Amino acid sequence: MTTPNHILVGTDFDENGALTEGSANAIRHALRLAERCGAKVDFVHSTYRSAEDSTIHGDLNVGRAELAKLQAESAAVTSELVLDDRRPALALIQHVGSGSHDLVVVAKRNHRRRDDRKLGSVSMMLLRMCPCPVWVIKPEQEMAHNAIAAATDLSAVGDLAIQYGALLANYEPCKLFAVHAWQLPLELQMSHSRIGDEEFRQGTQQIIDAATRHIRAIPAFAELGERGKVLLANSTPSAAILELVEKQNPDLVVLGTVSRGGISGFLIGNTAEKLLYKLDCSLLAIKPDDFISPVS
C-alpha cells in the first residue's frame, strides 16, 4: 500500500517560539497530502537540548497558535502537538514504532553548516533508520510540484519508489520521470567481438526494452499516461539520477533504500548514500518491506 493513512510531522521552532520557515512548509505539504488521500496527521516536537546547544526557545504558544491556524485551514484530520524530550530523530522513529504512522514528513534545515552536506543530522538519521518512508522537504519548496523523479533498480523497493512518485504526480498533477540505470551483462561485453555489432546492439536493446516494459507495467505509472516518462541510462545509478536532476530539474526525487552490510538500518545502499550528500531538492526515501530499524 503506497497511499499514506497516518502521517507524522516533525515540527521545529525558532528562538522566538515561532514555527521555522521549513517546518511551516513541511506542515503545509503534509496537510495537503492528507487532504487528498484521507490520511490523519500527527505532530511531534522534540524539546531535547544537548549540553552544547545554547539556543533558548521562546514561548512555544506562538508556534502552537501558528500550527493551529494551519490545521484550521485544512480539511485533514489532525491531532494536537506532542512534546517529546528525546532527541528529534529518535523521538520520531520511536513514535513510528509505537504507532501506525506510515510516512514521516520533516523539513530540511534552513542553513547548512557544511557545504558538502545537503542534509542535517536529523534528516540523515531518519533516512537511515526510520522504518517507514521519510519525506524531507526544502524550506522553499512550492506547494505544487513542477516535476518528480523516481529512481528504480527494477526491484520491489524500486517499484515502490515509482508508485509513490506516481501517487504524488497524480495529485498535482505533474510529470514523473522514472529513471533506471542499466548495465551490460559481463557475458555480453565479453562476446562483443565474437558476435558482431548487430547482435550486440540487439542484446543491449533487449535490456532496454525489458526495463521499459517493467516500469510501464506498474499500474500507478501506467495511469499517468503521457505524464509518465521513462529515462534509461547505461551508467551508474547515482550518475544517472544526478544527470536527470541537472537536465529536468525535478523538485522532488523518490528513491528506494536498501539495507546492506553489518548492522541493519545503518547502511541504505551505495546509491542512496551518495545521493543524500548531493541532491539539493526535496527527497522521499522508501524503505523495503523487510527493513528493520535498529531503533527499538
C-alpha atoms as a PDB file:
ATOM      1  CA  MET A   1       0.000   0.000   0.000  1.00  0.00           C
ATOM      2  CA  THR A   2       1.601   3.298  -1.075  1.00  0.00           C
ATOM      3  CA  THR A   3      -1.207   5.677  -0.099  1.00  0.00           C
ATOM      4  CA  PRO A   4      -0.364   7.009   3.383  1.00  0.00           C
ATOM      5  CA  ASN A   5      -3.030   6.693   6.051  1.00  0.00           C
ATOM      6  CA  HIS A   6      -1.235   8.151   9.064  1.00  0.00           C
ATOM      7  CA  ILE A   7       1.365  10.906   8.645  1.00  0.00           C
ATOM      8  CA  LEU A   8       3.780  12.045  11.338  1.00  0.00           C
ATOM      9  CA  VAL A   9       5.266  15.544  11.009  1.00  0.00           C
ATOM     10  CA  GLY A  10       8.363  16.659  12.864  1.00  0.00           C
ATOM     11  CA  THR A  11       7.998  20.322  13.841  1.00  0.00           C
ATOM     12  CA  ASP A  12      10.662  22.863  14.694  1.00  0.00           C
ATOM     13  CA  PHE A  13      10.512  26.288  16.339  1.00  0.00           C
ATOM     14  CA  ASP A  14      12.889  29.244  16.231  1.00  0.00           C
ATOM     15  CA  GLU A  15      14.319  31.195  19.149  1.00  0.00           C
ATOM     16  CA  ASN A  16      11.098  33.237  19.357  1.00  0.00           C
ATOM     17  CA  GLY A  17       8.925  30.154  19.651  1.00  0.00           C
ATOM     18  CA  ALA A  18       7.510  30.528  16.134  1.00  0.00           C
ATOM     19  CA  LEU A  19       7.485  27.798  13.511  1.00  0.00           C
ATOM     20  CA  THR A  20      10.592  27.883  11.341  1.00  0.00           C
ATOM     21  CA  GLU A  21      10.055  28.555   7.639  1.00  0.00           C
ATOM     22  CA  GLY A  22      10.937  24.999   6.739  1.00  0.00           C
ATOM     23  CA  SER A  23       8.748  23.433   9.410  1.00  0.00           C
ATOM     24  CA  ALA A  24       5.719  25.520   8.395  1.00  0.00           C
ATOM     25  CA  ASN A  25       6.231  24.465   4.778  1.00  0.00           C
ATOM     26  CA  ALA A  26       6.568  20.791   5.725  1.00  0.00           C
ATOM     27  CA  ILE A  27       3.318  21.043   7.695  1.00  0.00           C
ATOM     28  CA  ARG A  28       1.505  22.584   4.711  1.00  0.00           C
ATOM     29  CA  HIS A  29       2.702  19.801   2.415  1.00  0.00           C
ATOM     30  CA  ALA A  30       1.706  17.100   4.905  1.00  0.00           C
ATOM     31  CA  LEU A  31      -1.759  18.617   5.356  1.00  0.00           C
ATOM     32  CA  ARG A  32      -2.212  18.989   1.592  1.00  0.00           C
ATOM     33  CA  LEU A  33      -1.300  15.337   1.025  1.00  0.00           C
ATOM     34  CA  ALA A  34      -3.519  14.218   3.920  1.00  0.00           C
ATOM     35  CA  GLU A  35      -6.484  16.081   2.443  1.00  0.00           C
ATOM     36  CA  ARG A  36      -6.055  14.327  -0.875  1.00  0.00           C
ATOM     37  CA  CYS A  37      -5.594  10.804   0.416  1.00  0.00           C
ATOM     38  CA  GLY A  38      -7.744  10.960   3.556  1.00  0.00           C
ATOM     39  CA  ALA A  39      -4.865  10.470   5.984  1.00  0.00           C
ATOM     40  CA  LYS A  40      -4.631  11.534   9.616  1.00  0.00           C
ATOM     41  CA  VAL A  41      -1.767  13.843  10.664  1.00  0.00           C
ATOM     42  CA  ASP A  42       0.100  13.924  13.997  1.00  0.00           C
ATOM     43  CA  PHE A  43       2.720  16.465  15.059  1.00  0.00           C
ATOM     44  CA  VAL A  44       5.761  15.946  17.286  1.00  0.00           C
ATOM     45  CA  HIS A  45       8.289  18.477  18.560  1.00  0.00           C
ATOM     46  CA  SER A  46      11.474  17.495  20.374  1.00  0.00           C
ATOM     47  CA  THR A  47      12.324  19.691  23.363  1.00  0.00           C
ATOM     48  CA  TYR A  48      15.692  17.959  23.749  1.00  0.00           C
ATOM     49  CA  ARG A  49      18.724  20.233  24.090  1.00  0.00           C
ATOM     50  CA  SER A  50      22.271  18.960  24.186  1.00  0.00           C
ATOM     51  CA  ALA A  51      24.852  20.392  26.572  1.00  0.00           C
ATOM     52  CA  GLU A  52      26.493  22.180  23.629  1.00  0.00           C
ATOM     53  CA  ASP A  53      23.238  23.731  22.384  1.00  0.00           C
ATOM     54  CA  SER A  54      22.872  27.228  23.782  1.00  0.00           C
ATOM     55  CA  THR A  55      19.677  28.003  21.864  1.00  0.00           C
ATOM     56  CA  ILE A  56      16.820  29.089  24.101  1.00  0.00           C
ATOM     57  CA  HIS A  57      13.379  28.867  22.574  1.00  0.00           C
ATOM     58  CA  GLY A  58      10.750  31.443  23.347  1.00  0.00           C
ATOM     59  CA  ASP A  59       7.131  30.868  24.212  1.00  0.00           C
ATOM     60  CA  LEU A  60       6.011  27.805  22.233  1.00  0.00           C
ATOM     61  CA  ASN A  61       2.446  29.087  22.427  1.00  0.00           C
ATOM     62  CA  VAL A  62       3.382  31.306  19.477  1.00  0.00           C
ATOM     63  CA  GLY A  63       4.231  28.257  17.405  1.00  0.00           C
ATOM     64  CA  ARG A  64       1.228  26.365  18.715  1.00  0.00           C
ATOM     65  CA  ALA A  65      -1.041  29.181  17.523  1.00  0.00           C
ATOM     66  CA  GLU A  66       0.591  29.111  14.078  1.00  0.00           C
ATOM     67  CA  LEU A  67       0.146  25.346  13.894  1.00  0.00           C
ATOM     68  CA  ALA A  68      -3.487  25.628  14.982  1.00  0.00           C
ATOM     69  CA  LYS A  69      -4.099  28.159  12.208  1.00  0.00           C
ATOM     70  CA  LEU A  70      -2.620  25.835   9.585  1.00  0.00           C
ATOM     71  CA  GLN A  71      -4.714  22.986  10.946  1.00  0.00           C
ATOM     72  CA  ALA A  72      -7.870  25.103  10.812  1.00  0.00           C
ATOM     73  CA  GLU A  73      -7.209  25.957   7.170  1.00  0.00           C
ATOM     74  CA  SER A  74      -7.006  22.272   6.259  1.00  0.00           C
ATOM     75  CA  ALA A  75      -9.746  19.668   5.936  1.00  0.00           C
ATOM     76  CA  ALA A  76      -7.360  16.921   7.129  1.00  0.00           C
ATOM     77  CA  VAL A  77      -7.955  15.111  10.400  1.00  0.00           C
ATOM     78  CA  THR A  78      -5.202  16.191  12.796  1.00  0.00           C
ATOM     79  CA  SER A  79      -4.178  15.851  16.426  1.00  0.00           C
ATOM     80  CA  GLU A  80      -2.601  18.243  18.921  1.00  0.00           C
ATOM     81  CA  LEU A  81       1.123  18.853  19.050  1.00  0.00           C
ATOM     82  CA  VAL A  82       3.041  16.354  21.200  1.00  0.00           C
ATOM     83  CA  LEU A  83       6.201  17.482  23.003  1.00  0.00           C
ATOM     84  CA  ASP A  84       8.909  14.857  23.392  1.00  0.00           C
ATOM     85  CA  ASP A  85      12.139  15.247  25.383  1.00  0.00           C
ATOM     86  CA  ARG A  86      14.104  12.693  23.331  1.00  0.00           C
ATOM     87  CA  ARG A  87      16.486  13.613  20.530  1.00  0.00           C
ATOM     88  CA  PRO A  88      14.487  14.725  17.440  1.00  0.00           C
ATOM     89  CA  ALA A  89      15.178  11.775  15.138  1.00  0.00           C
ATOM     90  CA  LEU A  90      14.873   9.275  17.985  1.00  0.00           C
ATOM     91  CA  ALA A  91      11.553  10.767  19.063  1.00  0.00           C
ATOM     92  CA  LEU A  92      10.108  10.496  15.550  1.00  0.00           C
ATOM     93  CA  ILE A  93      11.400   6.960  14.933  1.00  0.00           C
ATOM     94  CA  GLN A  94      10.022   5.704  18.227  1.00  0.00           C
ATOM     95  CA  HIS A  95       6.652   7.361  17.593  1.00  0.00           C
ATOM     96  CA  VAL A  96       6.551   5.477  14.289  1.00  0.00           C
ATOM     97  CA  GLY A  97       7.498   2.259  16.051  1.00  0.00           C
ATOM     98  CA  SER A  98       4.820   2.649  18.717  1.00  0.00           C
ATOM     99  CA  GLY A  99       2.055   3.832  16.395  1.00  0.00           C
ATOM    100  CA  SER A 100       0.600   3.251  12.970  1.00  0.00           C
ATOM    101  CA  HIS A 101       2.415   6.011  11.085  1.00  0.00           C
ATOM    102  CA  ASP A 102       3.341   5.123   7.511  1.00  0.00           C
ATOM    103  CA  LEU A 103       5.001   8.393   6.425  1.00  0.00           C
ATOM    104  CA  VAL A 104       7.264  10.874   8.233  1.00  0.00           C
ATOM    105  CA  VAL A 105       7.493  14.446   6.938  1.00  0.00           C
ATOM    106  CA  VAL A 106      10.253  16.832   8.050  1.00  0.00           C
ATOM    107  CA  ALA A 107      11.942  19.932   6.699  1.00  0.00           C
ATOM    108  CA  LYS A 108      15.484  20.299   5.547  1.00  0.00           C
ATOM    109  CA  ARG A 109      17.402  22.605   7.845  1.00  0.00           C
ATOM    110  CA  ASN A 110      17.265  26.248   6.803  1.00  0.00           C
ATOM    111  CA  HIS A 111      21.031  26.723   6.859  1.00  0.00           C
ATOM    112  CA  ARG A 112      23.846  24.271   6.174  1.00  0.00           C
ATOM    113  CA  ARG A 113      26.950  24.299   8.333  1.00  0.00           C
ATOM    114  CA  ARG A 114      28.877  22.293   5.744  1.00  0.00           C
ATOM    115  CA  ASP A 115      28.773  22.931   2.009  1.00  0.00           C
ATOM    116  CA  ASP A 116      29.332  19.251   1.216  1.00  0.00           C
ATOM    117  CA  ARG A 117      26.230  18.102   3.100  1.00  0.00           C
ATOM    118  CA  LYS A 118      22.750  18.853   1.777  1.00  0.00           C
ATOM    119  CA  LEU A 119      21.015  17.325   4.791  1.00  0.00           C
ATOM    120  CA  GLY A 120      21.274  17.805   8.533  1.00  0.00           C
ATOM    121  CA  SER A 121      21.977  15.074  11.078  1.00  0.00           C
ATOM    122  CA  VAL A 122      18.289  14.622  11.989  1.00  0.00           C
ATOM    123  CA  SER A 123      17.248  14.057   8.364  1.00  0.00           C
ATOM    124  CA  MET A 124      20.186  11.706   7.789  1.00  0.00           C
ATOM    125  CA  MET A 125      19.305   9.599  10.831  1.00  0.00           C
ATOM    126  CA  LEU A 126      15.660   9.396   9.766  1.00  0.00           C
ATOM    127  CA  LEU A 127      16.563   8.380   6.223  1.00  0.00           C
ATOM    128  CA  ARG A 128      18.870   5.677   7.521  1.00  0.00           C
ATOM    129  CA  MET A 129      16.890   4.292  10.453  1.00  0.00           C
ATOM    130  CA  CYS A 130      13.203   5.196  10.238  1.00  0.00           C
ATOM    131  CA  PRO A 131      11.181   2.087   9.310  1.00  0.00           C
ATOM    132  CA  CYS A 132       8.658   3.944   7.134  1.00  0.00           C
ATOM    133  CA  PRO A 133       9.077   6.329   4.162  1.00  0.00           C
ATOM    134  CA  VAL A 134      10.616   9.703   5.004  1.00  0.00           C
ATOM    135  CA  TRP A 135       9.839  12.881   3.055  1.00  0.00           C
ATOM    136  CA  VAL A 136      12.410  15.659   3.584  1.00  0.00           C
ATOM    137  CA  ILE A 137      11.115  18.955   2.187  1.00  0.00           C
ATOM    138  CA  LYS A 138      13.107  22.038   1.237  1.00  0.00           C
ATOM    139  CA  PRO A 139      12.024  25.170   3.135  1.00  0.00           C
ATOM    140  CA  GLU A 140      11.334  26.988  -0.159  1.00  0.00           C
ATOM    141  CA  GLN A 141       9.557  24.058  -1.842  1.00  0.00           C
ATOM    142  CA  GLU A 142       6.492  25.250  -3.794  1.00  0.00           C
ATOM    143  CA  MET A 143       3.184  23.637  -2.873  1.00  0.00           C
ATOM    144  CA  ALA A 144       2.598  22.360  -6.411  1.00  0.00           C
ATOM    145  CA  HIS A 145       5.366  20.176  -7.808  1.00  0.00           C
ATOM    146  CA  ASN A 146       6.842  21.086 -11.159  1.00  0.00           C
ATOM    147  CA  ALA A 147       8.247  17.599 -11.836  1.00  0.00           C
ATOM    148  CA  ILE A 148       9.047  14.475  -9.831  1.00  0.00           C
ATOM    149  CA  ALA A 149      11.800  11.939 -10.455  1.00  0.00           C
ATOM    150  CA  ALA A 150      11.656   8.373  -9.152  1.00  0.00           C
ATOM    151  CA  ALA A 151      14.639   6.039  -9.360  1.00  0.00           C
ATOM    152  CA  THR A 152      14.291   2.290  -9.701  1.00  0.00           C
ATOM    153  CA  ASP A 153      16.632  -0.672  -9.965  1.00  0.00           C
ATOM    154  CA  LEU A 154      13.603  -2.797 -11.021  1.00  0.00           C
ATOM    155  CA  SER A 155      13.488  -4.405  -7.567  1.00  0.00           C
ATOM    156  CA  ALA A 156      10.449  -4.468  -5.281  1.00  0.00           C
ATOM    157  CA  VAL A 157      11.556  -1.333  -3.419  1.00  0.00           C
ATOM    158  CA  GLY A 158      12.300   0.342  -6.769  1.00  0.00           C
ATOM    159  CA  ASP A 159       8.727  -0.394  -7.850  1.00  0.00           C
ATOM    160  CA  LEU A 160       7.519   1.152  -4.576  1.00  0.00           C
ATOM    161  CA  ALA A 161       9.502   4.309  -5.338  1.00  0.00           C
ATOM    162  CA  ILE A 162       7.786   4.542  -8.732  1.00  0.00           C
ATOM    163  CA  GLN A 163       4.384   4.027  -7.083  1.00  0.00           C
ATOM    164  CA  TYR A 164       4.977   6.769  -4.513  1.00  0.00           C
ATOM    165  CA  GLY A 165       6.210   9.117  -7.240  1.00  0.00           C
ATOM    166  CA  ALA A 166       3.135   8.339  -9.350  1.00  0.00           C
ATOM    167  CA  LEU A 167       0.851   8.938  -6.368  1.00  0.00           C
ATOM    168  CA  LEU A 168       2.229  12.437  -5.834  1.00  0.00           C
ATOM    169  CA  ALA A 169       2.392  13.191  -9.567  1.00  0.00           C
ATOM    170  CA  ASN A 170      -1.279  12.266  -9.873  1.00  0.00           C
ATOM    171  CA  TYR A 171      -2.269  14.602  -7.047  1.00  0.00           C
ATOM    172  CA  GLU A 172      -0.512  17.632  -8.520  1.00  0.00           C
ATOM    173  CA  PRO A 173      -0.709  16.797 -11.499  1.00  0.00           C
ATOM    174  CA  CYS A 174       2.815  16.925 -12.932  1.00  0.00           C
ATOM    175  CA  LYS A 175       5.317  14.839 -14.874  1.00  0.00           C
ATOM    176  CA  LEU A 176       7.005  11.825 -13.359  1.00  0.00           C
ATOM    177  CA  PHE A 177      10.412  10.799 -14.672  1.00  0.00           C
ATOM    178  CA  ALA A 178      11.175   7.152 -13.947  1.00  0.00           C
ATOM    179  CA  VAL A 179      14.933   6.729 -14.180  1.00  0.00           C
ATOM    180  CA  HIS A 180      16.772   3.413 -14.392  1.00  0.00           C
ATOM    181  CA  ALA A 181      20.484   2.824 -14.837  1.00  0.00           C
ATOM    182  CA  TRP A 182      21.215  -0.377 -16.705  1.00  0.00           C
ATOM    183  CA  GLN A 183      24.478  -2.221 -17.107  1.00  0.00           C
ATOM    184  CA  LEU A 184      25.650  -4.629 -19.761  1.00  0.00           C
ATOM    185  CA  PRO A 185      25.935  -8.228 -18.552  1.00  0.00           C
ATOM    186  CA  LEU A 186      29.546  -9.360 -18.389  1.00  0.00           C
ATOM    187  CA  GLU A 187      28.916 -12.172 -20.869  1.00  0.00           C
ATOM    188  CA  LEU A 188      27.547  -9.707 -23.440  1.00  0.00           C
ATOM    189  CA  GLN A 189      30.539  -7.404 -23.001  1.00  0.00           C
ATOM    190  CA  MET A 190      32.990 -10.276 -23.436  1.00  0.00           C
ATOM    191  CA  SER A 191      31.242 -11.637 -26.512  1.00  0.00           C
ATOM    192  CA  HIS A 192      31.033  -8.318 -28.394  1.00  0.00           C
ATOM    193  CA  SER A 193      33.985  -9.014 -30.683  1.00  0.00           C
ATOM    194  CA  ARG A 194      32.754 -12.542 -31.391  1.00  0.00           C
ATOM    195  CA  ILE A 195      29.070 -11.916 -32.120  1.00  0.00           C
ATOM    196  CA  GLY A 196      29.415  -8.693 -34.122  1.00  0.00           C
ATOM    197  CA  ASP A 197      27.927  -5.227 -33.775  1.00  0.00           C
ATOM    198  CA  GLU A 198      24.367  -6.047 -34.880  1.00  0.00           C
ATOM    199  CA  GLU A 199      23.876  -8.915 -32.460  1.00  0.00           C
ATOM    200  CA  PHE A 200      25.485  -6.831 -29.732  1.00  0.00           C
ATOM    201  CA  ARG A 201      23.069  -3.985 -30.490  1.00  0.00           C
ATOM    202  CA  GLN A 202      20.126  -6.382 -30.337  1.00  0.00           C
ATOM    203  CA  GLY A 203      21.310  -7.666 -26.980  1.00  0.00           C
ATOM    204  CA  THR A 204      21.511  -4.181 -25.497  1.00  0.00           C
ATOM    205  CA  GLN A 205      18.141  -3.260 -26.993  1.00  0.00           C
ATOM    206  CA  GLN A 206      16.558  -6.277 -25.310  1.00  0.00           C
ATOM    207  CA  ILE A 207      17.834  -4.988 -21.951  1.00  0.00           C
ATOM    208  CA  ILE A 208      16.393  -1.540 -22.632  1.00  0.00           C
ATOM    209  CA  ASP A 209      13.047  -2.905 -23.826  1.00  0.00           C
ATOM    210  CA  ALA A 210      12.694  -5.218 -20.818  1.00  0.00           C
ATOM    211  CA  ALA A 211      13.371  -2.362 -18.380  1.00  0.00           C
ATOM    212  CA  THR A 212      10.886  -0.099 -20.168  1.00  0.00           C
ATOM    213  CA  ARG A 213       8.180  -2.794 -20.097  1.00  0.00           C
ATOM    214  CA  HIS A 214       8.821  -3.400 -16.400  1.00  0.00           C
ATOM    215  CA  ILE A 215       8.337   0.268 -15.500  1.00  0.00           C
ATOM    216  CA  ARG A 216       5.340   0.841 -17.753  1.00  0.00           C
ATOM    217  CA  ALA A 217       3.655  -2.269 -16.329  1.00  0.00           C
ATOM    218  CA  ILE A 218       3.484  -0.676 -12.865  1.00  0.00           C
ATOM    219  CA  PRO A 219      -0.228   0.273 -12.665  1.00  0.00           C
ATOM    220  CA  ALA A 220       0.257   3.611 -10.908  1.00  0.00           C
ATOM    221  CA  PHE A 221       2.804   4.665 -13.515  1.00  0.00           C
ATOM    222  CA  ALA A 222       0.611   3.494 -16.408  1.00  0.00           C
ATOM    223  CA  GLU A 223      -2.245   5.652 -15.103  1.00  0.00           C
ATOM    224  CA  LEU A 224      -0.147   8.780 -15.646  1.00  0.00           C
ATOM    225  CA  GLY A 225      -0.304   8.309 -19.411  1.00  0.00           C
ATOM    226  CA  GLU A 226       1.877  10.816 -21.255  1.00  0.00           C
ATOM    227  CA  ARG A 227       2.924  12.439 -17.967  1.00  0.00           C
ATOM    228  CA  GLY A 228       4.943   9.320 -17.181  1.00  0.00           C
ATOM    229  CA  LYS A 229       8.387   9.443 -18.796  1.00  0.00           C
ATOM    230  CA  VAL A 230      10.870   6.551 -18.784  1.00  0.00           C
ATOM    231  CA  LEU A 231      14.521   7.591 -18.848  1.00  0.00           C
ATOM    232  CA  LEU A 232      17.172   4.875 -19.133  1.00  0.00           C
ATOM    233  CA  ALA A 233      20.922   5.307 -18.966  1.00  0.00           C
ATOM    234  CA  ASN A 234      23.875   2.962 -19.334  1.00  0.00           C
ATOM    235  CA  SER A 235      25.746   4.297 -16.300  1.00  0.00           C
ATOM    236  CA  THR A 236      25.897   4.038 -12.530  1.00  0.00           C
ATOM    237  CA  PRO A 237      22.611   4.725 -10.708  1.00  0.00           C
ATOM    238  CA  SER A 238      23.906   7.803  -8.892  1.00  0.00           C
ATOM    239  CA  ALA A 239      25.310   9.293 -12.114  1.00  0.00           C
ATOM    240  CA  ALA A 240      22.041   8.636 -13.974  1.00  0.00           C
ATOM    241  CA  ILE A 241      19.949  10.290 -11.253  1.00  0.00           C
ATOM    242  CA  LEU A 242      22.240  13.322 -10.955  1.00  0.00           C
ATOM    243  CA  GLU A 243      22.205  13.776 -14.740  1.00  0.00           C
ATOM    244  CA  LEU A 244      18.410  13.635 -14.747  1.00  0.00           C
ATOM    245  CA  VAL A 245      18.209  16.176 -11.919  1.00  0.00           C
ATOM    246  CA  GLU A 246      20.525  18.533 -13.810  1.00  0.00           C
ATOM    247  CA  LYS A 247      18.561  18.278 -17.073  1.00  0.00           C
ATOM    248  CA  GLN A 248      14.951  18.076 -15.859  1.00  0.00           C
ATOM    249  CA  ASN A 249      15.232  19.995 -12.564  1.00  0.00           C
ATOM    250  CA  PRO A 250      12.647  17.989 -10.572  1.00  0.00           C
ATOM    251  CA  ASP A 251      11.715  19.456  -7.208  1.00  0.00           C
ATOM    252  CA  LEU A 252      11.358  16.002  -5.645  1.00  0.00           C
ATOM    253  CA  VAL A 253      13.394  12.810  -6.019  1.00  0.00           C
ATOM    254  CA  VAL A 254      11.933   9.500  -4.806  1.00  0.00           C
ATOM    255  CA  LEU A 255      14.270   6.563  -4.310  1.00  0.00           C
ATOM    256  CA  GLY A 256      14.293   3.244  -2.543  1.00  0.00           C
ATOM    257  CA  THR A 257      16.830   2.437   0.138  1.00  0.00           C
ATOM    258  CA  VAL A 258      18.378  -0.950   0.731  1.00  0.00           C
ATOM    259  CA  SER A 259      19.915  -2.106   3.986  1.00  0.00           C
ATOM    260  CA  ARG A 260      23.238  -3.835   3.430  1.00  0.00           C
ATOM    261  CA  GLY A 261      26.200  -4.970   5.422  1.00  0.00           C
ATOM    262  CA  GLY A 262      26.654  -5.483   9.132  1.00  0.00           C
ATOM    263  CA  ILE A 263      24.118  -3.621  11.250  1.00  0.00           C
ATOM    264  CA  SER A 264      20.591  -3.488   9.878  1.00  0.00           C
ATOM    265  CA  GLY A 265      19.377   0.019   9.164  1.00  0.00           C
ATOM    266  CA  PHE A 266      22.698   1.857   9.291  1.00  0.00           C
ATOM    267  CA  LEU A 267      23.606   1.422   5.629  1.00  0.00           C
ATOM    268  CA  ILE A 268      20.998   2.225   2.997  1.00  0.00           C
ATOM    269  CA  GLY A 269      22.836   1.252  -0.167  1.00  0.00           C
ATOM    270  CA  ASN A 270      25.685   2.884  -2.046  1.00  0.00           C
ATOM    271  CA  THR A 271      23.440   4.813  -4.443  1.00  0.00           C
ATOM    272  CA  ALA A 272      21.294   6.353  -1.728  1.00  0.00           C
ATOM    273  CA  GLU A 273      24.298   7.198   0.454  1.00  0.00           C
ATOM    274  CA  LYS A 274      25.984   9.064  -2.419  1.00  0.00           C
ATOM    275  CA  LEU A 275      22.844  10.959  -3.378  1.00  0.00           C
ATOM    276  CA  LEU A 276      21.959  12.077   0.144  1.00  0.00           C
ATOM    277  CA  TYR A 277      25.043  14.267   0.142  1.00  0.00           C
ATOM    278  CA  LYS A 278      24.491  15.718  -3.333  1.00  0.00           C
ATOM    279  CA  LEU A 279      20.785  16.234  -4.006  1.00  0.00           C
ATOM    280  CA  ASP A 280      19.625  19.761  -3.249  1.00  0.00           C
ATOM    281  CA  CYS A 281      15.917  19.152  -3.946  1.00  0.00           C
ATOM    282  CA  SER A 282      13.295  17.608  -1.679  1.00  0.00           C
ATOM    283  CA  LEU A 283      13.737  13.877  -1.122  1.00  0.00           C
ATOM    284  CA  LEU A 284      11.375  10.980  -0.430  1.00  0.00           C
ATOM    285  CA  ALA A 285      13.133   7.787   0.669  1.00  0.00           C
ATOM    286  CA  ILE A 286      11.277   4.465   0.585  1.00  0.00           C
ATOM    287  CA  LYS A 287      12.256   1.502   2.767  1.00  0.00           C
ATOM    288  CA  PRO A 288      11.914  -2.107   1.580  1.00  0.00           C
ATOM    289  CA  ASP A 289       9.202  -4.176   3.240  1.00  0.00           C
ATOM    290  CA  ASP A 290      11.772  -6.233   5.144  1.00  0.00           C
ATOM    291  CA  PHE A 291      13.636  -3.223   6.559  1.00  0.00           C
ATOM    292  CA  ILE A 292      14.252  -3.484  10.303  1.00  0.00           C
ATOM    293  CA  SER A 293      15.085  -0.308  12.183  1.00  0.00           C
ATOM    294  CA  PRO A 294      17.945  -0.559  14.688  1.00  0.00           C
ATOM    295  CA  VAL A 295      15.944   1.768  16.961  1.00  0.00           C
ATOM    296  CA  SER A 296      13.653  -0.267  19.187  1.00  0.00           C
END
